[in-house]
Amino acid sequence: MDPEVIVPKKPTGFSLFQPHMVKAAVFLLIIMLLFTVLRPLVIVPAGHMGVKLNFGAVQQPPLNEGIHFIIPLYQKIVIIDCRVRKAEHNAAAASKDLQTITSMVAVNYHVNQASAADLYQHVGMEYENTVIAPAIQESIKAVTAGYTAEELITKRPEVAIKTSEVLAKKLLDYKIKIDRFNIVNFEFSAEFNKAIEEKQTAEQRALKAQRDLERIKIEAAQKVTQAQAEAEALKIQRQQVTEDLLRLREIENQRLAIEKWNGQLPKVSGGAVPFIDVDKVE
């Protein structure tokens, strides 16, 4: 008889190297690689809009905030920031009296969410340098030309409002809205600053001279008034002095003199009786 051949039995326990488990792991790895490389999921952050491109062609409408699925290689999402942003620019212009003015302006603006795709299609991502900066320059020049250099200082709020209105109209076609417009600073030439300083000094001197003149006029008027009052008082006194009043005062003086007399006549040589003028007796 042939000897008995013993065939070893396959283990029946669990193993990570079973064919179906290996296939599942390979499949998951491939999926992870596809998600990592192809990125079929796109997240649009809060305050942004996503512009979908199909082989570079802009699609409407733009995507809202959240997670979106795209077809890799075929579709692409461009993120547009629609939050309020700040742009600061210097603008040189000439005033109505031909003074050179350099203005520093600050503009707060935001992109209309519904028009994000149109803005990207017609302007692109550099819309601040392409659209906003030139519009600020043009608006400043247009408004500044209507004011003198001094008026730009004294009427600064009015100038800012008008400039904001002009700028808002220029950006309306691009669906960019102006939230706030501020003129941070006006800078003038050294010659103009010196002229302004000299003018202010002259005005202060003129104002002081005018005040001194008014003070002198008031003091002179007071003296005239006082003199007129004194003259009027003397006039009234003269009008009140009558013959009866003079006689009454004469009699009163005599009475006072008699009251002061001690009854003794003054002594004179020759035994004559002296004549006494009672008007002169004290």
C-alpha atoms as a PDB file:
ATOM      1  CA  MET A   1       0.000   0.000   0.000  1.00  0.00           C
ATOM      2  CA  ASP A   2       1.097   3.509  -0.816  1.00  0.00           C
ATOM      3  CA  PRO A   3       1.884   5.612   2.148  1.00  0.00           C
ATOM      4  CA  GLU A   4      -0.886   8.138   3.088  1.00  0.00           C
ATOM      5  CA  VAL A   5      -0.249  11.689   1.872  1.00  0.00           C
ATOM      6  CA  ILE A   6      -1.237  14.345   4.384  1.00  0.00           C
ATOM      7  CA  VAL A   7      -2.316  17.705   2.834  1.00  0.00           C
ATOM      8  CA  PRO A   8      -2.076  20.656   5.244  1.00  0.00           C
ATOM      9  CA  LYS A   9      -5.350  22.495   5.808  1.00  0.00           C
ATOM     10  CA  LYS A  10      -5.688  26.233   5.109  1.00  0.00           C
ATOM     11  CA  PRO A  11      -6.147  28.371   8.214  1.00  0.00           C
ATOM     12  CA  THR A  12      -9.744  29.483   8.723  1.00  0.00           C
ATOM     13  CA  GLY A  13      -9.001  32.457  11.037  1.00  0.00           C
ATOM     14  CA  PHE A  14      -9.308  36.226  10.111  1.00  0.00           C
ATOM     15  CA  SER A  15      -6.419  37.801   8.144  1.00  0.00           C
ATOM     16  CA  LEU A  16      -5.786  41.277   6.741  1.00  0.00           C
ATOM     17  CA  PHE A  17      -4.192  39.706   3.713  1.00  0.00           C
ATOM     18  CA  GLN A  18      -7.341  38.065   2.468  1.00  0.00           C
ATOM     19  CA  PRO A  19      -7.946  38.882  -1.204  1.00  0.00           C
ATOM     20  CA  HIS A  20     -11.160  40.821  -0.710  1.00  0.00           C
ATOM     21  CA  MET A  21      -9.673  42.935   2.088  1.00  0.00           C
ATOM     22  CA  VAL A  22      -6.671  43.782  -0.021  1.00  0.00           C
ATOM     23  CA  LYS A  23      -8.908  44.831  -2.866  1.00  0.00           C
ATOM     24  CA  ALA A  24     -10.938  47.065  -0.545  1.00  0.00           C
ATOM     25  CA  ALA A  25      -7.804  48.715   0.825  1.00  0.00           C
ATOM     26  CA  VAL A  26      -6.452  49.314  -2.665  1.00  0.00           C
ATOM     27  CA  PHE A  27      -9.780  50.809  -3.731  1.00  0.00           C
ATOM     28  CA  LEU A  28      -9.871  53.170  -0.729  1.00  0.00           C
ATOM     29  CA  LEU A  29      -6.294  54.194  -1.388  1.00  0.00           C
ATOM     30  CA  ILE A  30      -7.118  54.978  -4.994  1.00  0.00           C
ATOM     31  CA  ILE A  31     -10.175  57.025  -3.894  1.00  0.00           C
ATOM     32  CA  MET A  32      -8.076  58.972  -1.407  1.00  0.00           C
ATOM     33  CA  LEU A  33      -5.443  59.642  -4.047  1.00  0.00           C
ATOM     34  CA  LEU A  34      -8.109  60.805  -6.472  1.00  0.00           C
ATOM     35  CA  PHE A  35      -9.606  63.159  -3.869  1.00  0.00           C
ATOM     36  CA  THR A  36      -6.165  64.458  -2.969  1.00  0.00           C
ATOM     37  CA  VAL A  37      -4.963  64.993  -6.509  1.00  0.00           C
ATOM     38  CA  LEU A  38      -8.148  65.806  -8.386  1.00  0.00           C
ATOM     39  CA  ARG A  39     -10.021  67.546  -5.522  1.00  0.00           C
ATOM     40  CA  PRO A  40     -13.605  67.068  -6.677  1.00  0.00           C
ATOM     41  CA  LEU A  41     -14.938  68.885  -3.569  1.00  0.00           C
ATOM     42  CA  VAL A  42     -14.559  72.655  -3.243  1.00  0.00           C
ATOM     43  CA  ILE A  43     -15.406  74.783  -0.187  1.00  0.00           C
ATOM     44  CA  VAL A  44     -16.580  78.367  -0.742  1.00  0.00           C
ATOM     45  CA  PRO A  45     -15.770  80.328   2.475  1.00  0.00           C
ATOM     46  CA  ALA A  46     -18.181  82.669   4.213  1.00  0.00           C
ATOM     47  CA  GLY A  47     -18.442  86.073   2.570  1.00  0.00           C
ATOM     48  CA  HIS A  48     -17.182  84.722  -0.771  1.00  0.00           C
ATOM     49  CA  MET A  49     -18.698  83.522  -4.018  1.00  0.00           C
ATOM     50  CA  GLY A  50     -17.450  80.731  -6.271  1.00  0.00           C
ATOM     51  CA  VAL A  51     -17.230  81.268 -10.043  1.00  0.00           C
ATOM     52  CA  LYS A  52     -17.536  77.920 -11.863  1.00  0.00           C
ATOM     53  CA  LEU A  53     -15.437  77.452 -14.986  1.00  0.00           C
ATOM     54  CA  ASN A  54     -16.105  74.622 -17.457  1.00  0.00           C
ATOM     55  CA  PHE A  55     -12.853  74.308 -19.395  1.00  0.00           C
ATOM     56  CA  GLY A  56     -12.323  78.040 -18.695  1.00  0.00           C
ATOM     57  CA  ALA A  57     -15.844  79.162 -19.649  1.00  0.00           C
ATOM     58  CA  VAL A  58     -17.646  81.148 -16.904  1.00  0.00           C
ATOM     59  CA  GLN A  59     -20.889  79.539 -15.765  1.00  0.00           C
ATOM     60  CA  GLN A  60     -23.876  81.247 -14.191  1.00  0.00           C
ATOM     61  CA  PRO A  61     -24.943  81.617 -11.463  1.00  0.00           C
ATOM     62  CA  PRO A  62     -21.962  81.807  -9.069  1.00  0.00           C
ATOM     63  CA  LEU A  63     -21.792  79.300  -6.212  1.00  0.00           C
ATOM     64  CA  ASN A  64     -22.815  80.337  -2.715  1.00  0.00           C
ATOM     65  CA  GLU A  65     -20.983  79.591   0.521  1.00  0.00           C
ATOM     66  CA  GLY A  66     -20.526  75.906   1.400  1.00  0.00           C
ATOM     67  CA  ILE A  67     -19.266  72.626  -0.100  1.00  0.00           C
ATOM     68  CA  HIS A  68     -19.704  71.964  -3.830  1.00  0.00           C
ATOM     69  CA  PHE A  69     -18.903  68.959  -6.031  1.00  0.00           C
ATOM     70  CA  ILE A  70     -17.122  69.519  -9.332  1.00  0.00           C
ATOM     71  CA  ILE A  71     -15.923  67.311 -12.119  1.00  0.00           C
ATOM     72  CA  PRO A  72     -12.121  67.228 -11.900  1.00  0.00           C
ATOM     73  CA  LEU A  73     -10.121  68.445 -14.871  1.00  0.00           C
ATOM     74  CA  TYR A  74     -13.340  69.683 -16.486  1.00  0.00           C
ATOM     75  CA  GLN A  75     -14.510  72.173 -13.912  1.00  0.00           C
ATOM     76  CA  LYS A  76     -12.678  74.727 -11.770  1.00  0.00           C
ATOM     77  CA  ILE A  77     -13.902  77.120  -9.050  1.00  0.00           C
ATOM     78  CA  VAL A  78     -12.497  80.637  -8.650  1.00  0.00           C
ATOM     79  CA  ILE A  79     -13.162  82.211  -5.237  1.00  0.00           C
ATOM     80  CA  ILE A  80     -14.246  85.891  -5.248  1.00  0.00           C
ATOM     81  CA  ASP A  81     -14.122  87.882  -1.987  1.00  0.00           C
ATOM     82  CA  CYS A  82     -17.412  89.770  -1.545  1.00  0.00           C
ATOM     83  CA  ARG A  83     -16.722  91.158   1.931  1.00  0.00           C
ATOM     84  CA  VAL A  84     -16.119  94.841   2.623  1.00  0.00           C
ATOM     85  CA  ARG A  85     -12.573  95.698   1.633  1.00  0.00           C
ATOM     86  CA  LYS A  86     -10.429  98.801   1.910  1.00  0.00           C
ATOM     87  CA  ALA A  87      -8.477 100.535  -0.836  1.00  0.00           C
ATOM     88  CA  GLU A  88      -6.115 103.464  -0.200  1.00  0.00           C
ATOM     89  CA  HIS A  89      -4.734 105.512  -3.065  1.00  0.00           C
ATOM     90  CA  ASN A  90      -2.983 108.826  -3.682  1.00  0.00           C
ATOM     91  CA  ALA A  91      -4.554 111.100  -6.253  1.00  0.00           C
ATOM     92  CA  ALA A  92      -2.929 114.204  -7.759  1.00  0.00           C
ATOM     93  CA  ALA A  93      -5.180 116.913  -9.203  1.00  0.00           C
ATOM     94  CA  ALA A  94      -5.411 120.642  -9.919  1.00  0.00           C
ATOM     95  CA  SER A  95      -7.780 122.945  -8.087  1.00  0.00           C
ATOM     96  CA  LYS A  96      -9.952 125.651  -9.619  1.00  0.00           C
ATOM     97  CA  ASP A  97      -7.228 128.242  -8.974  1.00  0.00           C
ATOM     98  CA  LEU A  98      -4.624 125.921 -10.555  1.00  0.00           C
ATOM     99  CA  GLN A  99      -3.018 124.771  -7.326  1.00  0.00           C
ATOM    100  CA  THR A 100      -1.532 121.266  -7.340  1.00  0.00           C
ATOM    101  CA  ILE A 101      -3.309 119.091  -4.773  1.00  0.00           C
ATOM    102  CA  THR A 102      -2.271 115.620  -3.646  1.00  0.00           C
ATOM    103  CA  SER A 103      -5.025 113.692  -1.890  1.00  0.00           C
ATOM    104  CA  MET A 104      -4.874 110.504   0.148  1.00  0.00           C
ATOM    105  CA  VAL A 105      -8.255 108.756  -0.015  1.00  0.00           C
ATOM    106  CA  ALA A 106      -9.567 105.609   1.641  1.00  0.00           C
ATOM    107  CA  VAL A 107     -12.463 103.689   0.063  1.00  0.00           C
ATOM    108  CA  ASN A 108     -14.466 100.864   1.612  1.00  0.00           C
ATOM    109  CA  TYR A 109     -16.217  98.774  -1.035  1.00  0.00           C
ATOM    110  CA  HIS A 110     -17.621  95.321  -1.734  1.00  0.00           C
ATOM    111  CA  VAL A 111     -18.460  93.229  -4.770  1.00  0.00           C
ATOM    112  CA  ASN A 112     -22.103  92.443  -5.480  1.00  0.00           C
ATOM    113  CA  GLN A 113     -22.441  88.695  -4.850  1.00  0.00           C
ATOM    114  CA  ALA A 114     -24.855  88.085  -7.718  1.00  0.00           C
ATOM    115  CA  SER A 115     -22.465  89.806 -10.147  1.00  0.00           C
ATOM    116  CA  ALA A 116     -19.264  88.069  -9.038  1.00  0.00           C
ATOM    117  CA  ALA A 117     -19.148  85.897 -12.172  1.00  0.00           C
ATOM    118  CA  ASP A 118     -19.639  88.913 -14.478  1.00  0.00           C
ATOM    119  CA  LEU A 119     -16.889  90.843 -12.680  1.00  0.00           C
ATOM    120  CA  TYR A 120     -14.477  87.933 -13.050  1.00  0.00           C
ATOM    121  CA  GLN A 121     -15.418  87.403 -16.691  1.00  0.00           C
ATOM    122  CA  HIS A 122     -14.995  91.051 -17.761  1.00  0.00           C
ATOM    123  CA  VAL A 123     -12.341  92.349 -15.348  1.00  0.00           C
ATOM    124  CA  GLY A 124     -10.643  89.451 -13.594  1.00  0.00           C
ATOM    125  CA  MET A 125      -9.163  89.189 -10.126  1.00  0.00           C
ATOM    126  CA  GLU A 126      -7.146  92.432 -10.323  1.00  0.00           C
ATOM    127  CA  TYR A 127     -10.252  94.612 -10.365  1.00  0.00           C
ATOM    128  CA  GLU A 128      -8.910  96.942  -7.649  1.00  0.00           C
ATOM    129  CA  ASN A 129      -5.939  98.017  -9.760  1.00  0.00           C
ATOM    130  CA  THR A 130      -7.787  97.716 -13.056  1.00  0.00           C
ATOM    131  CA  VAL A 131     -11.048  99.473 -12.170  1.00  0.00           C
ATOM    132  CA  ILE A 132     -11.137 101.022  -8.706  1.00  0.00           C
ATOM    133  CA  ALA A 133      -7.791 102.873  -8.674  1.00  0.00           C
ATOM    134  CA  PRO A 134      -8.341 104.654 -12.044  1.00  0.00           C
ATOM    135  CA  ALA A 135     -11.913 105.517 -11.048  1.00  0.00           C
ATOM    136  CA  ILE A 136     -10.649 107.134  -7.833  1.00  0.00           C
ATOM    137  CA  GLN A 137      -8.132 109.201  -9.797  1.00  0.00           C
ATOM    138  CA  GLU A 138     -10.749 110.414 -12.267  1.00  0.00           C
ATOM    139  CA  SER A 139     -13.299 111.221  -9.566  1.00  0.00           C
ATOM    140  CA  ILE A 140     -10.820 113.252  -7.513  1.00  0.00           C
ATOM    141  CA  LYS A 141      -9.735 115.260 -10.556  1.00  0.00           C
ATOM    142  CA  ALA A 142     -13.315 115.926 -11.665  1.00  0.00           C
ATOM    143  CA  VAL A 143     -14.470 117.218  -8.278  1.00  0.00           C
ATOM    144  CA  THR A 144     -11.283 119.059  -7.265  1.00  0.00           C
ATOM    145  CA  ALA A 145     -11.388 121.147 -10.446  1.00  0.00           C
ATOM    146  CA  GLY A 146     -14.601 122.767  -9.203  1.00  0.00           C
ATOM    147  CA  TYR A 147     -13.113 124.159  -5.966  1.00  0.00           C
ATOM    148  CA  THR A 148     -10.327 126.529  -5.080  1.00  0.00           C
ATOM    149  CA  ALA A 149      -7.530 125.291  -2.852  1.00  0.00           C
ATOM    150  CA  GLU A 150      -8.961 127.128   0.152  1.00  0.00           C
ATOM    151  CA  GLU A 151     -12.444 125.744  -0.502  1.00  0.00           C
ATOM    152  CA  LEU A 152     -11.038 122.218  -0.533  1.00  0.00           C
ATOM    153  CA  ILE A 153     -10.028 122.840   3.082  1.00  0.00           C
ATOM    154  CA  THR A 154     -13.112 124.694   4.296  1.00  0.00           C
ATOM    155  CA  LYS A 155     -15.598 122.520   2.375  1.00  0.00           C
ATOM    156  CA  ARG A 156     -13.903 119.158   2.872  1.00  0.00           C
ATOM    157  CA  PRO A 157     -17.077 117.201   3.834  1.00  0.00           C
ATOM    158  CA  GLU A 158     -18.876 118.534   0.764  1.00  0.00           C
ATOM    159  CA  VAL A 159     -15.951 117.587  -1.473  1.00  0.00           C
ATOM    160  CA  ALA A 160     -15.898 114.064  -0.004  1.00  0.00           C
ATOM    161  CA  ILE A 161     -19.628 113.565  -0.620  1.00  0.00           C
ATOM    162  CA  LYS A 162     -19.459 114.723  -4.231  1.00  0.00           C
ATOM    163  CA  THR A 163     -16.371 112.605  -4.931  1.00  0.00           C
ATOM    164  CA  SER A 164     -18.087 109.552  -3.437  1.00  0.00           C
ATOM    165  CA  GLU A 165     -21.128 110.104  -5.667  1.00  0.00           C
ATOM    166  CA  VAL A 166     -19.004 110.422  -8.808  1.00  0.00           C
ATOM    167  CA  LEU A 167     -16.986 107.332  -7.902  1.00  0.00           C
ATOM    168  CA  ALA A 168     -20.125 105.288  -7.171  1.00  0.00           C
ATOM    169  CA  LYS A 169     -21.475 106.061 -10.668  1.00  0.00           C
ATOM    170  CA  LYS A 170     -18.209 105.029 -12.311  1.00  0.00           C
ATOM    171  CA  LEU A 171     -18.170 101.659 -10.502  1.00  0.00           C
ATOM    172  CA  LEU A 172     -21.869 100.964 -11.017  1.00  0.00           C
ATOM    173  CA  ASP A 173     -21.264  99.146 -14.316  1.00  0.00           C
ATOM    174  CA  TYR A 174     -18.905  96.720 -12.578  1.00  0.00           C
ATOM    175  CA  LYS A 175     -21.369  96.002  -9.727  1.00  0.00           C
ATOM    176  CA  ILE A 176     -18.917  97.308  -7.132  1.00  0.00           C
ATOM    177  CA  LYS A 177     -20.624  99.202  -4.355  1.00  0.00           C
ATOM    178  CA  ILE A 178     -18.990 102.013  -2.358  1.00  0.00           C
ATOM    179  CA  ASP A 179     -19.702 101.684   1.373  1.00  0.00           C
ATOM    180  CA  ARG A 180     -17.639 104.623   2.652  1.00  0.00           C
ATOM    181  CA  PHE A 181     -15.394 107.261   1.142  1.00  0.00           C
ATOM    182  CA  ASN A 182     -12.921 109.300   3.216  1.00  0.00           C
ATOM    183  CA  ILE A 183     -10.437 111.973   2.259  1.00  0.00           C
ATOM    184  CA  VAL A 184      -7.608 111.186   4.646  1.00  0.00           C
ATOM    185  CA  ASN A 185      -5.450 114.186   3.781  1.00  0.00           C
ATOM    186  CA  PHE A 186      -4.940 117.117   1.411  1.00  0.00           C
ATOM    187  CA  GLU A 187      -1.366 118.116   0.642  1.00  0.00           C
ATOM    188  CA  PHE A 188      -0.496 121.429  -1.016  1.00  0.00           C
ATOM    189  CA  SER A 189       2.702 122.885  -2.411  1.00  0.00           C
ATOM    190  CA  ALA A 190       5.169 124.603  -0.088  1.00  0.00           C
ATOM    191  CA  GLU A 191       4.486 127.974  -1.757  1.00  0.00           C
ATOM    192  CA  PHE A 192       0.753 127.657  -1.161  1.00  0.00           C
ATOM    193  CA  ASN A 193       1.223 126.647   2.466  1.00  0.00           C
ATOM    194  CA  LYS A 194       3.426 129.704   2.994  1.00  0.00           C
ATOM    195  CA  ALA A 195       0.852 131.963   1.327  1.00  0.00           C
ATOM    196  CA  ILE A 196      -1.898 130.556   3.553  1.00  0.00           C
ATOM    197  CA  GLU A 197       0.194 131.152   6.658  1.00  0.00           C
ATOM    198  CA  GLU A 198       0.927 134.742   5.636  1.00  0.00           C
ATOM    199  CA  LYS A 199      -2.716 135.373   4.879  1.00  0.00           C
ATOM    200  CA  GLN A 200      -3.811 134.043   8.252  1.00  0.00           C
ATOM    201  CA  THR A 201      -1.235 136.263   9.972  1.00  0.00           C
ATOM    202  CA  ALA A 202      -2.446 139.301   8.044  1.00  0.00           C
ATOM    203  CA  GLU A 203      -6.063 138.503   8.873  1.00  0.00           C
ATOM    204  CA  GLN A 204      -5.239 138.218  12.562  1.00  0.00           C
ATOM    205  CA  ARG A 205      -3.458 141.565  12.492  1.00  0.00           C
ATOM    206  CA  ALA A 206      -6.339 143.187  10.629  1.00  0.00           C
ATOM    207  CA  LEU A 207      -8.795 141.730  13.107  1.00  0.00           C
ATOM    208  CA  LYS A 208      -6.764 143.109  16.030  1.00  0.00           C
ATOM    209  CA  ALA A 209      -6.565 146.552  14.390  1.00  0.00           C
ATOM    210  CA  GLN A 210     -10.303 146.523  13.775  1.00  0.00           C
ATOM    211  CA  ARG A 211     -10.971 145.617  17.382  1.00  0.00           C
ATOM    212  CA  ASP A 212      -8.642 148.390  18.568  1.00  0.00           C
ATOM    213  CA  LEU A 213     -10.418 150.872  16.305  1.00  0.00           C
ATOM    214  CA  GLU A 214     -13.797 149.822  17.604  1.00  0.00           C
ATOM    215  CA  ARG A 215     -12.530 150.172  21.172  1.00  0.00           C
ATOM    216  CA  ILE A 216     -11.233 153.703  20.448  1.00  0.00           C
ATOM    217  CA  LYS A 217     -14.534 154.653  18.843  1.00  0.00           C
ATOM    218  CA  ILE A 218     -16.448 153.364  21.837  1.00  0.00           C
ATOM    219  CA  GLU A 219     -14.219 155.237  24.282  1.00  0.00           C
ATOM    220  CA  ALA A 220     -14.532 158.455  22.237  1.00  0.00           C
ATOM    221  CA  ALA A 221     -18.287 158.041  22.081  1.00  0.00           C
ATOM    222  CA  GLN A 222     -18.374 157.563  25.837  1.00  0.00           C
ATOM    223  CA  LYS A 223     -16.383 160.771  26.353  1.00  0.00           C
ATOM    224  CA  VAL A 224     -18.668 162.692  24.004  1.00  0.00           C
ATOM    225  CA  THR A 225     -21.686 161.350  25.786  1.00  0.00           C
ATOM    226  CA  GLN A 226     -20.227 162.305  29.153  1.00  0.00           C
ATOM    227  CA  ALA A 227     -19.363 165.817  27.936  1.00  0.00           C
ATOM    228  CA  GLN A 228     -22.832 166.236  26.474  1.00  0.00           C
ATOM    229  CA  ALA A 229     -24.355 165.142  29.760  1.00  0.00           C
ATOM    230  CA  GLU A 230     -22.237 167.617  31.731  1.00  0.00           C
ATOM    231  CA  ALA A 231     -23.062 170.451  29.327  1.00  0.00           C
ATOM    232  CA  GLU A 232     -26.716 169.617  29.531  1.00  0.00           C
ATOM    233  CA  ALA A 233     -26.533 169.659  33.331  1.00  0.00           C
ATOM    234  CA  LEU A 234     -24.866 173.100  33.309  1.00  0.00           C
ATOM    235  CA  LYS A 235     -27.447 174.361  30.881  1.00  0.00           C
ATOM    236  CA  ILE A 236     -30.240 173.186  33.109  1.00  0.00           C
ATOM    237  CA  GLN A 237     -28.587 174.793  36.108  1.00  0.00           C
ATOM    238  CA  ARG A 238     -28.269 178.141  34.286  1.00  0.00           C
ATOM    239  CA  GLN A 239     -31.901 177.992  33.269  1.00  0.00           C
ATOM    240  CA  GLN A 240     -32.919 177.453  36.876  1.00  0.00           C
ATOM    241  CA  VAL A 241     -30.961 180.507  38.222  1.00  0.00           C
ATOM    242  CA  THR A 242     -33.463 183.416  38.409  1.00  0.00           C
ATOM    243  CA  GLU A 243     -33.419 186.837  40.163  1.00  0.00           C
ATOM    244  CA  ASP A 244     -35.674 185.522  42.899  1.00  0.00           C
ATOM    245  CA  LEU A 245     -33.312 182.639  43.499  1.00  0.00           C
ATOM    246  CA  LEU A 246     -30.328 184.979  43.680  1.00  0.00           C
ATOM    247  CA  ARG A 247     -32.156 187.271  46.151  1.00  0.00           C
ATOM    248  CA  LEU A 248     -33.148 184.230  48.219  1.00  0.00           C
ATOM    249  CA  ARG A 249     -29.549 183.039  48.379  1.00  0.00           C
ATOM    250  CA  GLU A 250     -28.419 186.570  49.344  1.00  0.00           C
ATOM    251  CA  ILE A 251     -30.909 186.687  52.212  1.00  0.00           C
ATOM    252  CA  GLU A 252     -29.840 183.205  53.303  1.00  0.00           C
ATOM    253  CA  ASN A 253     -26.205 184.264  53.376  1.00  0.00           C
ATOM    254  CA  GLN A 254     -27.067 187.312  55.491  1.00  0.00           C
ATOM    255  CA  ARG A 255     -29.007 185.133  57.902  1.00  0.00           C
ATOM    256  CA  LEU A 256     -26.069 182.788  58.298  1.00  0.00           C
ATOM    257  CA  ALA A 257     -23.752 185.725  58.908  1.00  0.00           C
ATOM    258  CA  ILE A 258     -26.012 187.134  61.638  1.00  0.00           C
ATOM    259  CA  GLU A 259     -26.197 183.746  63.331  1.00  0.00           C
ATOM    260  CA  LYS A 260     -22.408 183.616  63.441  1.00  0.00           C
ATOM    261  CA  TRP A 261     -22.046 187.258  64.814  1.00  0.00           C
ATOM    262  CA  ASN A 262     -21.229 187.419  68.529  1.00  0.00           C
ATOM    263  CA  GLY A 263     -22.868 190.836  69.093  1.00  0.00           C
ATOM    264  CA  GLN A 264     -19.666 192.817  69.430  1.00  0.00           C
ATOM    265  CA  LEU A 265     -18.743 195.513  67.001  1.00  0.00           C
ATOM    266  CA  PRO A 266     -15.214 195.635  65.815  1.00  0.00           C
ATOM    267  CA  LYS A 267     -13.045 198.313  67.434  1.00  0.00           C
ATOM    268  CA  VAL A 268     -11.894 201.209  65.267  1.00  0.00           C
ATOM    269  CA  SER A 269     -10.001 204.382  65.958  1.00  0.00           C
ATOM    270  CA  GLY A 270     -11.842 207.755  66.334  1.00  0.00           C
ATOM    271  CA  GLY A 271     -14.926 206.242  68.007  1.00  0.00           C
ATOM    272  CA  ALA A 272     -16.806 205.833  64.730  1.00  0.00           C
ATOM    273  CA  VAL A 273     -19.226 203.016  64.262  1.00  0.00           C
ATOM    274  CA  PRO A 274     -17.842 200.626  61.676  1.00  0.00           C
ATOM    275  CA  PHE A 275     -19.857 199.609  58.669  1.00  0.00           C
ATOM    276  CA  ILE A 276     -20.305 195.882  58.518  1.00  0.00           C
ATOM    277  CA  ASP A 277     -20.984 194.132  55.304  1.00  0.00           C
ATOM    278  CA  VAL A 278     -23.021 191.201  56.509  1.00  0.00           C
ATOM    279  CA  ASP A 279     -22.483 189.415  53.225  1.00  0.00           C
ATOM    280  CA  LYS A 280     -18.816 189.012  54.054  1.00  0.00           C
ATOM    281  CA  VAL A 281     -19.199 188.056  57.706  1.00  0.00           C
ATOM    282  CA  GLU A 282     -18.470 184.434  58.282  1.00  0.00           C
END
